[in-house]
Amino acid sequence: MENIGFTKQCSEIWYFNTVNTRKECFYICMKSWAIGEKNVDENGNLNKCLQCDEDKSGPVFKYYSGRTRRNSGIFSEIDRPGDSIYNMTQCYY
């Protein structure tokens, strides 16, 4: 991840997140993938895989990274309510 511009510390927390989610949520996520489960249901609830990641890896990631996509104003493939994503002007210069 450092090769694409992440700092060493940021790369480390992303690495931890992926390793821990695989350790804690692997079978839950494989089942979600195998059955083609959508990221969120009609009520906006995360699927079991994403909820597992949120519960098992999210708190440590948020503590050490200080930022998430949502509080950085970045949308992702997870359809979240617009009011849960911080309205921020991104400046890439």
C-alpha atoms as a PDB file:
ATOM      1  CA  MET A   1       0.000   0.000   0.000  1.00  0.00           C
ATOM      2  CA  GLU A   2       2.955   2.279   0.495  1.00  0.00           C
ATOM      3  CA  ASN A   3       3.627   1.925  -3.245  1.00  0.00           C
ATOM      4  CA  ILE A   4       0.340   3.678  -4.013  1.00  0.00           C
ATOM      5  CA  GLY A   5       0.950   6.559  -1.614  1.00  0.00           C
ATOM      6  CA  PHE A   6      -0.112   5.378   1.822  1.00  0.00           C
ATOM      7  CA  THR A   7       2.208   6.150   4.724  1.00  0.00           C
ATOM      8  CA  LYS A   8       3.854   3.257   6.543  1.00  0.00           C
ATOM      9  CA  GLN A   9       1.520   3.717   9.528  1.00  0.00           C
ATOM     10  CA  CYS A  10      -1.587   3.899   7.333  1.00  0.00           C
ATOM     11  CA  SER A  11      -0.470   0.807   5.411  1.00  0.00           C
ATOM     12  CA  GLU A  12      -0.016  -1.066   8.686  1.00  0.00           C
ATOM     13  CA  ILE A  13      -3.525  -0.327   9.962  1.00  0.00           C
ATOM     14  CA  TRP A  14      -5.073  -1.330   6.610  1.00  0.00           C
ATOM     15  CA  TYR A  15      -3.023  -4.540   6.722  1.00  0.00           C
ATOM     16  CA  PHE A  16      -4.205  -5.256  10.276  1.00  0.00           C
ATOM     17  CA  ASN A  17      -7.791  -4.606   9.179  1.00  0.00           C
ATOM     18  CA  THR A  18      -7.621  -7.122   6.324  1.00  0.00           C
ATOM     19  CA  VAL A  19      -5.827  -9.801   8.374  1.00  0.00           C
ATOM     20  CA  ASN A  20      -8.150  -9.423  11.340  1.00  0.00           C
ATOM     21  CA  THR A  21     -11.296  -9.420   9.210  1.00  0.00           C
ATOM     22  CA  ARG A  22     -10.135 -12.578   7.465  1.00  0.00           C
ATOM     23  CA  LYS A  23      -9.415 -14.197  10.837  1.00  0.00           C
ATOM     24  CA  GLU A  24     -12.708 -13.150  12.425  1.00  0.00           C
ATOM     25  CA  CYS A  25     -15.125 -13.113   9.484  1.00  0.00           C
ATOM     26  CA  PHE A  26     -13.800 -15.459   6.798  1.00  0.00           C
ATOM     27  CA  TYR A  27     -16.584 -18.037   6.816  1.00  0.00           C
ATOM     28  CA  ILE A  28     -19.317 -15.447   7.292  1.00  0.00           C
ATOM     29  CA  CYS A  29     -17.960 -13.484   4.319  1.00  0.00           C
ATOM     30  CA  MET A  30     -17.536 -16.555   2.125  1.00  0.00           C
ATOM     31  CA  LYS A  31     -21.172 -17.453   2.743  1.00  0.00           C
ATOM     32  CA  SER A  32     -22.292 -13.885   1.928  1.00  0.00           C
ATOM     33  CA  TRP A  33     -20.266 -13.988  -1.272  1.00  0.00           C
ATOM     34  CA  ALA A  34     -21.449 -17.493  -2.245  1.00  0.00           C
ATOM     35  CA  ILE A  35     -25.122 -16.610  -1.933  1.00  0.00           C
ATOM     36  CA  GLY A  36     -24.653 -13.247  -3.647  1.00  0.00           C
ATOM     37  CA  GLU A  37     -25.811 -11.286  -0.641  1.00  0.00           C
ATOM     38  CA  LYS A  38     -26.138  -7.544  -1.300  1.00  0.00           C
ATOM     39  CA  ASN A  39     -24.011  -5.148   0.773  1.00  0.00           C
ATOM     40  CA  VAL A  40     -27.115  -3.732   2.460  1.00  0.00           C
ATOM     41  CA  ASP A  41     -30.697  -4.916   2.741  1.00  0.00           C
ATOM     42  CA  GLU A  42     -33.817  -2.917   1.912  1.00  0.00           C
ATOM     43  CA  ASN A  43     -33.735  -1.334   5.383  1.00  0.00           C
ATOM     44  CA  GLY A  44     -30.119  -0.179   5.021  1.00  0.00           C
ATOM     45  CA  ASN A  45     -28.656  -2.854   7.304  1.00  0.00           C
ATOM     46  CA  LEU A  46     -25.195  -4.163   6.428  1.00  0.00           C
ATOM     47  CA  ASN A  47     -24.947  -7.785   5.340  1.00  0.00           C
ATOM     48  CA  LYS A  48     -23.435 -10.233   7.852  1.00  0.00           C
ATOM     49  CA  CYS A  49     -19.943 -10.020   6.340  1.00  0.00           C
ATOM     50  CA  LEU A  50     -19.746  -6.239   6.385  1.00  0.00           C
ATOM     51  CA  GLN A  51     -21.291  -6.118   9.858  1.00  0.00           C
ATOM     52  CA  CYS A  52     -18.692  -8.606  11.088  1.00  0.00           C
ATOM     53  CA  ASP A  53     -15.909  -6.419   9.665  1.00  0.00           C
ATOM     54  CA  GLU A  54     -17.505  -3.347  11.242  1.00  0.00           C
ATOM     55  CA  ASP A  55     -17.770  -5.058  14.643  1.00  0.00           C
ATOM     56  CA  LYS A  56     -14.504  -7.010  14.745  1.00  0.00           C
ATOM     57  CA  SER A  57     -12.052  -4.743  12.890  1.00  0.00           C
ATOM     58  CA  GLY A  58     -13.782  -1.377  12.715  1.00  0.00           C
ATOM     59  CA  PRO A  59     -13.121  -0.099  16.251  1.00  0.00           C
ATOM     60  CA  VAL A  60      -9.348  -0.689  16.068  1.00  0.00           C
ATOM     61  CA  PHE A  61      -9.175   0.711  12.534  1.00  0.00           C
ATOM     62  CA  LYS A  62     -11.066   3.861  13.530  1.00  0.00           C
ATOM     63  CA  TYR A  63      -8.983   4.351  16.678  1.00  0.00           C
ATOM     64  CA  TYR A  64      -5.609   4.121  14.948  1.00  0.00           C
ATOM     65  CA  SER A  65      -6.453   5.625  11.571  1.00  0.00           C
ATOM     66  CA  GLY A  66      -8.543   8.478  12.889  1.00  0.00           C
ATOM     67  CA  ARG A  67     -10.420   8.544   9.592  1.00  0.00           C
ATOM     68  CA  THR A  68     -12.946   6.429   7.793  1.00  0.00           C
ATOM     69  CA  ARG A  69     -14.354   6.839   4.317  1.00  0.00           C
ATOM     70  CA  ARG A  70     -17.600   8.171   5.749  1.00  0.00           C
ATOM     71  CA  ASN A  71     -16.083  10.814   8.011  1.00  0.00           C
ATOM     72  CA  SER A  72     -13.762  11.793   5.169  1.00  0.00           C
ATOM     73  CA  GLY A  73     -16.666  12.383   2.772  1.00  0.00           C
ATOM     74  CA  ILE A  74     -15.745   9.453   0.529  1.00  0.00           C
ATOM     75  CA  PHE A  75     -18.504   7.230  -0.821  1.00  0.00           C
ATOM     76  CA  SER A  76     -17.868   3.506  -1.248  1.00  0.00           C
ATOM     77  CA  GLU A  77     -19.594   0.484  -2.735  1.00  0.00           C
ATOM     78  CA  ILE A  78     -21.589   0.188   0.490  1.00  0.00           C
ATOM     79  CA  ASP A  79     -24.828   2.099  -0.010  1.00  0.00           C
ATOM     80  CA  ARG A  80     -25.111   4.178   3.138  1.00  0.00           C
ATOM     81  CA  PRO A  81     -27.549   6.956   3.943  1.00  0.00           C
ATOM     82  CA  GLY A  82     -26.252  10.268   2.591  1.00  0.00           C
ATOM     83  CA  ASP A  83     -26.524  11.935   5.988  1.00  0.00           C
ATOM     84  CA  SER A  84     -24.009   9.419   7.424  1.00  0.00           C
ATOM     85  CA  ILE A  85     -21.299  10.626   5.013  1.00  0.00           C
ATOM     86  CA  TYR A  86     -19.615  13.878   5.949  1.00  0.00           C
ATOM     87  CA  ASN A  87     -20.087  16.603   3.357  1.00  0.00           C
ATOM     88  CA  MET A  88     -16.511  17.523   2.549  1.00  0.00           C
ATOM     89  CA  THR A  89     -14.865  19.101  -0.469  1.00  0.00           C
ATOM     90  CA  GLN A  90     -11.978  16.864  -1.518  1.00  0.00           C
ATOM     91  CA  CYS A  91      -8.863  18.758  -2.611  1.00  0.00           C
ATOM     92  CA  TYR A  92      -6.279  16.694  -4.502  1.00  0.00           C
ATOM     93  CA  TYR A  93      -3.517  19.173  -5.274  1.00  0.00           C
END
